[in-house]
C-alpha atoms as a PDB file:
ATOM      1  CA  MET A   1     -13.676   8.429   1.026  1.00  0.00           C
ATOM      2  CA  PRO A   2     -17.040   9.617  -0.276  1.00  0.00           C
ATOM      3  CA  ALA A   3     -19.961   7.204  -0.187  1.00  0.00           C
ATOM      4  CA  ASP A   4     -20.182   4.835  -3.157  1.00  0.00           C
ATOM      5  CA  TYR A   5     -16.591   5.464  -4.268  1.00  0.00           C
ATOM      6  CA  VAL A   6     -13.780   2.964  -4.826  1.00  0.00           C
ATOM      7  CA  MET A   7     -10.227   3.745  -3.704  1.00  0.00           C
ATOM      8  CA  ARG A   8      -7.024   2.454  -5.320  1.00  0.00           C
ATOM      9  CA  VAL A   9      -3.711   2.804  -3.494  1.00  0.00           C
ATOM     10  CA  GLY A  10      -0.283   1.782  -4.746  1.00  0.00           C
ATOM     11  CA  ILE A  11       3.353   1.864  -3.683  1.00  0.00           C
ATOM     12  CA  ALA A  12       6.560   1.417  -5.616  1.00  0.00           C
ATOM     13  CA  TYR A  13       9.953   1.108  -3.985  1.00  0.00           C
ATOM     14  CA  ASN A  14      13.586   0.314  -4.643  1.00  0.00           C
ATOM     15  CA  SER A  15      15.102  -3.001  -5.577  1.00  0.00           C
ATOM     16  CA  CYS A  16      18.848  -3.289  -5.257  1.00  0.00           C
ATOM     17  CA  ALA A  17      20.693  -3.861  -8.540  1.00  0.00           C
ATOM     18  CA  ASP A  18      23.696  -6.157  -8.442  1.00  0.00           C
ATOM     19  CA  GLU A  19      26.446  -4.438 -10.436  1.00  0.00           C
ATOM     20  CA  PHE A  20      28.246  -7.683 -11.307  1.00  0.00           C
ATOM     21  CA  PHE A  21      25.390 -10.044 -12.183  1.00  0.00           C
ATOM     22  CA  GLY A  22      22.772  -7.529 -13.389  1.00  0.00           C
ATOM     23  CA  VAL A  23      20.093  -9.028 -11.139  1.00  0.00           C
ATOM     24  CA  ASN A  24      17.838  -7.017  -8.824  1.00  0.00           C
ATOM     25  CA  SER A  25      17.251  -8.152  -5.256  1.00  0.00           C
ATOM     26  CA  LEU A  26      14.510  -6.986  -2.963  1.00  0.00           C
ATOM     27  CA  GLU A  27      16.372  -5.843   0.141  1.00  0.00           C
ATOM     28  CA  ASN A  28      13.212  -4.659   1.925  1.00  0.00           C
ATOM     29  CA  ASP A  29       9.708  -6.016   1.613  1.00  0.00           C
ATOM     30  CA  PHE A  30       7.244  -3.244   2.348  1.00  0.00           C
ATOM     31  CA  ASP A  31       3.560  -3.881   2.926  1.00  0.00           C
ATOM     32  CA  LEU A  32       0.823  -1.448   2.050  1.00  0.00           C
ATOM     33  CA  TRP A  33      -2.074  -0.996   4.481  1.00  0.00           C
ATOM     34  CA  VAL A  34      -5.276   0.984   4.076  1.00  0.00           C
ATOM     35  CA  LYS A  35      -7.098   1.202   7.400  1.00  0.00           C
ATOM     36  CA  GLU A  36     -10.312   2.919   8.347  1.00  0.00           C
ATOM     37  CA  ASP A  37      -9.665   5.753  10.817  1.00  0.00           C
ATOM     38  CA  VAL A  38     -11.942   4.704  13.694  1.00  0.00           C
ATOM     39  CA  PRO A  39     -11.697   4.640  17.499  1.00  0.00           C
ATOM     40  CA  PRO A  40      -9.744   1.632  18.863  1.00  0.00           C
ATOM     41  CA  TRP A  41     -12.853  -0.066  20.260  1.00  0.00           C
ATOM     42  CA  PHE A  42     -14.654  -0.031  16.871  1.00  0.00           C
ATOM     43  CA  PHE A  43     -13.983  -2.641  14.164  1.00  0.00           C
ATOM     44  CA  GLY A  44     -13.116  -0.824  10.939  1.00  0.00           C
ATOM     45  CA  PHE A  45     -12.274  -1.902   7.411  1.00  0.00           C
ATOM     46  CA  THR A  46      -8.645  -2.911   6.739  1.00  0.00           C
ATOM     47  CA  PHE A  47      -7.056  -3.817   3.408  1.00  0.00           C
ATOM     48  CA  SER A  48      -3.427  -4.921   2.982  1.00  0.00           C
ATOM     49  CA  SER A  49      -0.883  -6.286   0.542  1.00  0.00           C
ATOM     50  CA  VAL A  50       0.895  -8.529   3.064  1.00  0.00           C
ATOM     51  CA  THR A  51       0.862 -11.582   0.790  1.00  0.00           C
ATOM     52  CA  LEU A  52       2.792  -9.831  -1.983  1.00  0.00           C
ATOM     53  CA  ASN A  53       6.566  -9.832  -2.225  1.00  0.00           C
ATOM     54  CA  ASN A  54       7.131  -7.299  -4.954  1.00  0.00           C
ATOM     55  CA  GLU A  55       8.460  -3.759  -5.401  1.00  0.00           C
ATOM     56  CA  VAL A  56       5.112  -2.563  -6.783  1.00  0.00           C
ATOM     57  CA  GLU A  57       1.957  -3.262  -4.775  1.00  0.00           C
ATOM     58  CA  MET A  58      -1.664  -2.187  -5.240  1.00  0.00           C
ATOM     59  CA  ILE A  59      -4.855  -2.311  -3.188  1.00  0.00           C
ATOM     60  CA  GLN A  60      -8.367  -1.614  -4.380  1.00  0.00           C
ATOM     61  CA  ALA A  61     -10.732  -0.832  -1.522  1.00  0.00           C
ATOM     62  CA  PRO A  62     -14.368  -1.332  -2.529  1.00  0.00           C
ATOM     63  CA  SER A  63     -17.206   1.064  -1.917  1.00  0.00           C
ATOM     64  CA  VAL A  64     -18.536   0.816   1.641  1.00  0.00           C
ATOM     65  CA  GLY A  65     -21.749   2.769   1.096  1.00  0.00           C
ATOM     66  CA  TRP A  66     -21.114   5.776   3.340  1.00  0.00           C
ATOM     67  CA  ASN A  67     -18.452   8.433   3.918  1.00  0.00           C
ATOM     68  CA  ARG A  68     -15.298   7.072   5.552  1.00  0.00           C
ATOM     69  CA  THR A  69     -11.820   8.305   6.449  1.00  0.00           C
ATOM     70  CA  PHE A  70      -8.901   5.956   5.738  1.00  0.00           C
ATOM     71  CA  LEU A  71      -5.216   5.960   6.710  1.00  0.00           C
ATOM     72  CA  ILE A  72      -2.537   4.824   4.252  1.00  0.00           C
ATOM     73  CA  GLN A  73       0.391   3.090   5.969  1.00  0.00           C
ATOM     74  CA  VAL A  74       3.603   1.509   4.704  1.00  0.00           C
ATOM     75  CA  ARG A  75       5.362  -1.021   6.926  1.00  0.00           C
ATOM     76  CA  VAL A  76       8.456  -3.181   6.637  1.00  0.00           C
ATOM     77  CA  LYS A  77       7.229  -6.791   6.552  1.00  0.00           C
ATOM     78  CA  GLY A  78       7.555  -8.683   9.796  1.00  0.00           C
ATOM     79  CA  ALA A  79       8.846  -5.623  11.680  1.00  0.00           C
ATOM     80  CA  SER A  80      12.274  -6.268  10.160  1.00  0.00           C
ATOM     81  CA  ALA A  81      15.038  -3.699  10.268  1.00  0.00           C
ATOM     82  CA  LEU A  82      15.399  -1.480   7.201  1.00  0.00           C
ATOM     83  CA  THR A  83      18.193  -2.740   4.918  1.00  0.00           C
ATOM     84  CA  TYR A  84      19.922  -0.241   2.650  1.00  0.00           C
ATOM     85  CA  CYS A  85      21.089  -0.969  -0.874  1.00  0.00           C
ATOM     86  CA  HIS A  86      24.894  -0.704  -1.150  1.00  0.00           C
ATOM     87  CA  SER A  87      25.969   2.675   0.293  1.00  0.00           C
ATOM     88  CA  GLU A  88      22.567   4.398   0.031  1.00  0.00           C
ATOM     89  CA  MET A  89      21.307   5.958   3.241  1.00  0.00           C
ATOM     90  CA  THR A  90      17.625   6.196   2.282  1.00  0.00           C
ATOM     91  CA  GLU A  91      14.938   3.934   0.864  1.00  0.00           C
ATOM     92  CA  PRO A  92      12.731   5.856  -1.573  1.00  0.00           C
ATOM     93  CA  VAL A  93       9.044   4.882  -1.564  1.00  0.00           C
ATOM     94  CA  ALA A  94       6.412   6.344  -3.894  1.00  0.00           C
ATOM     95  CA  ILE A  95       2.754   6.278  -2.836  1.00  0.00           C
ATOM     96  CA  VAL A  96      -0.182   7.038  -5.112  1.00  0.00           C
ATOM     97  CA  TRP A  97      -3.936   6.937  -4.551  1.00  0.00           C
ATOM     98  CA  ASP A  98      -7.066   7.571  -6.537  1.00  0.00           C
ATOM     99  CA  MET A  99     -10.821   7.521  -5.925  1.00  0.00           C
ATOM    100  CA  TYR A 100     -13.575   7.097  -8.476  1.00  0.00           C
ATOM    101  CA  PRO A 101     -17.356   6.446  -8.424  1.00  0.00           C
ATOM    102  CA  ASP A 102     -18.182   2.760  -7.985  1.00  0.00           C
ATOM    103  CA  PRO A 103     -19.554   1.730 -11.407  1.00  0.00           C
ATOM    104  CA  GLN A 104     -21.643  -1.050  -9.810  1.00  0.00           C
ATOM    105  CA  VAL A 105     -23.460   1.455  -7.589  1.00  0.00           C
ATOM    106  CA  ILE A 106     -23.674   4.400 -10.020  1.00  0.00           C
ATOM    107  CA  GLY A 107     -25.128   2.188 -12.777  1.00  0.00           C
ATOM    108  CA  GLN A 108     -28.060   0.981 -10.631  1.00  0.00           C
END
């Protein structure tokens, strides 16, 4: 991420629709992680959505003042096994990210 930029990252994933009751259930709870790509012995920035239990999750990583490289990771909460909806054999996950100049820094 360029210096003085803000990064937004989001995921959206499947909820399982109940054909009889018309209610969606969240079969899997994914967590979104944005981690600074640094050597293991160095403490880097980490942002996560672990407190959310929703099929759409967002993170906004603030400007850190210098160029950084980040990794975007999606994990199943609590290292649970992946549960499929009905007879589906996959779990579609959409990931989107965006960067823009930090208005608090640019405006100074």
